[in-house]
C-alpha cells in the first residue's frame, strides 16, 4: 500500500496487490 500525500488534507492511497 502506497500513500502519497499531495497536500495537507489531500492523500492518495494506491493499493498494489501483486
C-alpha atoms as a PDB file:
ATOM      1  CA  UNK A   1       0.000   0.000   0.000  1.00  0.00           C
ATOM      2  CA  UNK A   2       1.478   3.295  -1.102  1.00  0.00           C
ATOM      3  CA  UNK A   3       0.269   6.502   0.479  1.00  0.00           C
ATOM      4  CA  UNK A   4       1.104   9.698  -1.345  1.00  0.00           C
ATOM      5  CA  UNK A   5       0.259  12.987   0.280  1.00  0.00           C
ATOM      6  CA  UNK A   6      -0.124  15.890  -2.101  1.00  0.00           C
ATOM      7  CA  UNK A   7      -1.473  18.487   0.264  1.00  0.00           C
ATOM      8  CA  UNK A   8      -2.306  18.775   3.927  1.00  0.00           C
ATOM      9  CA  UNK A   9      -5.827  17.421   3.639  1.00  0.00           C
ATOM     10  CA  UNK A  10      -5.332  15.514   0.412  1.00  0.00           C
ATOM     11  CA  UNK A  11      -3.982  11.996   0.267  1.00  0.00           C
ATOM     12  CA  UNK A  12      -3.825   9.350  -2.420  1.00  0.00           C
ATOM     13  CA  UNK A  13      -3.859   5.702  -1.469  1.00  0.00           C
ATOM     14  CA  UNK A  14      -2.694   3.196  -4.060  1.00  0.00           C
ATOM     15  CA  UNK A  15      -3.373  -0.453  -3.335  1.00  0.00           C
ATOM     16  CA  UNK A  16      -0.902  -2.817  -5.016  1.00  0.00           C
ATOM     17  CA  UNK A  17      -1.742  -6.486  -4.580  1.00  0.00           C
ATOM     18  CA  UNK A  18       0.503  -8.407  -6.929  1.00  0.00           C
END
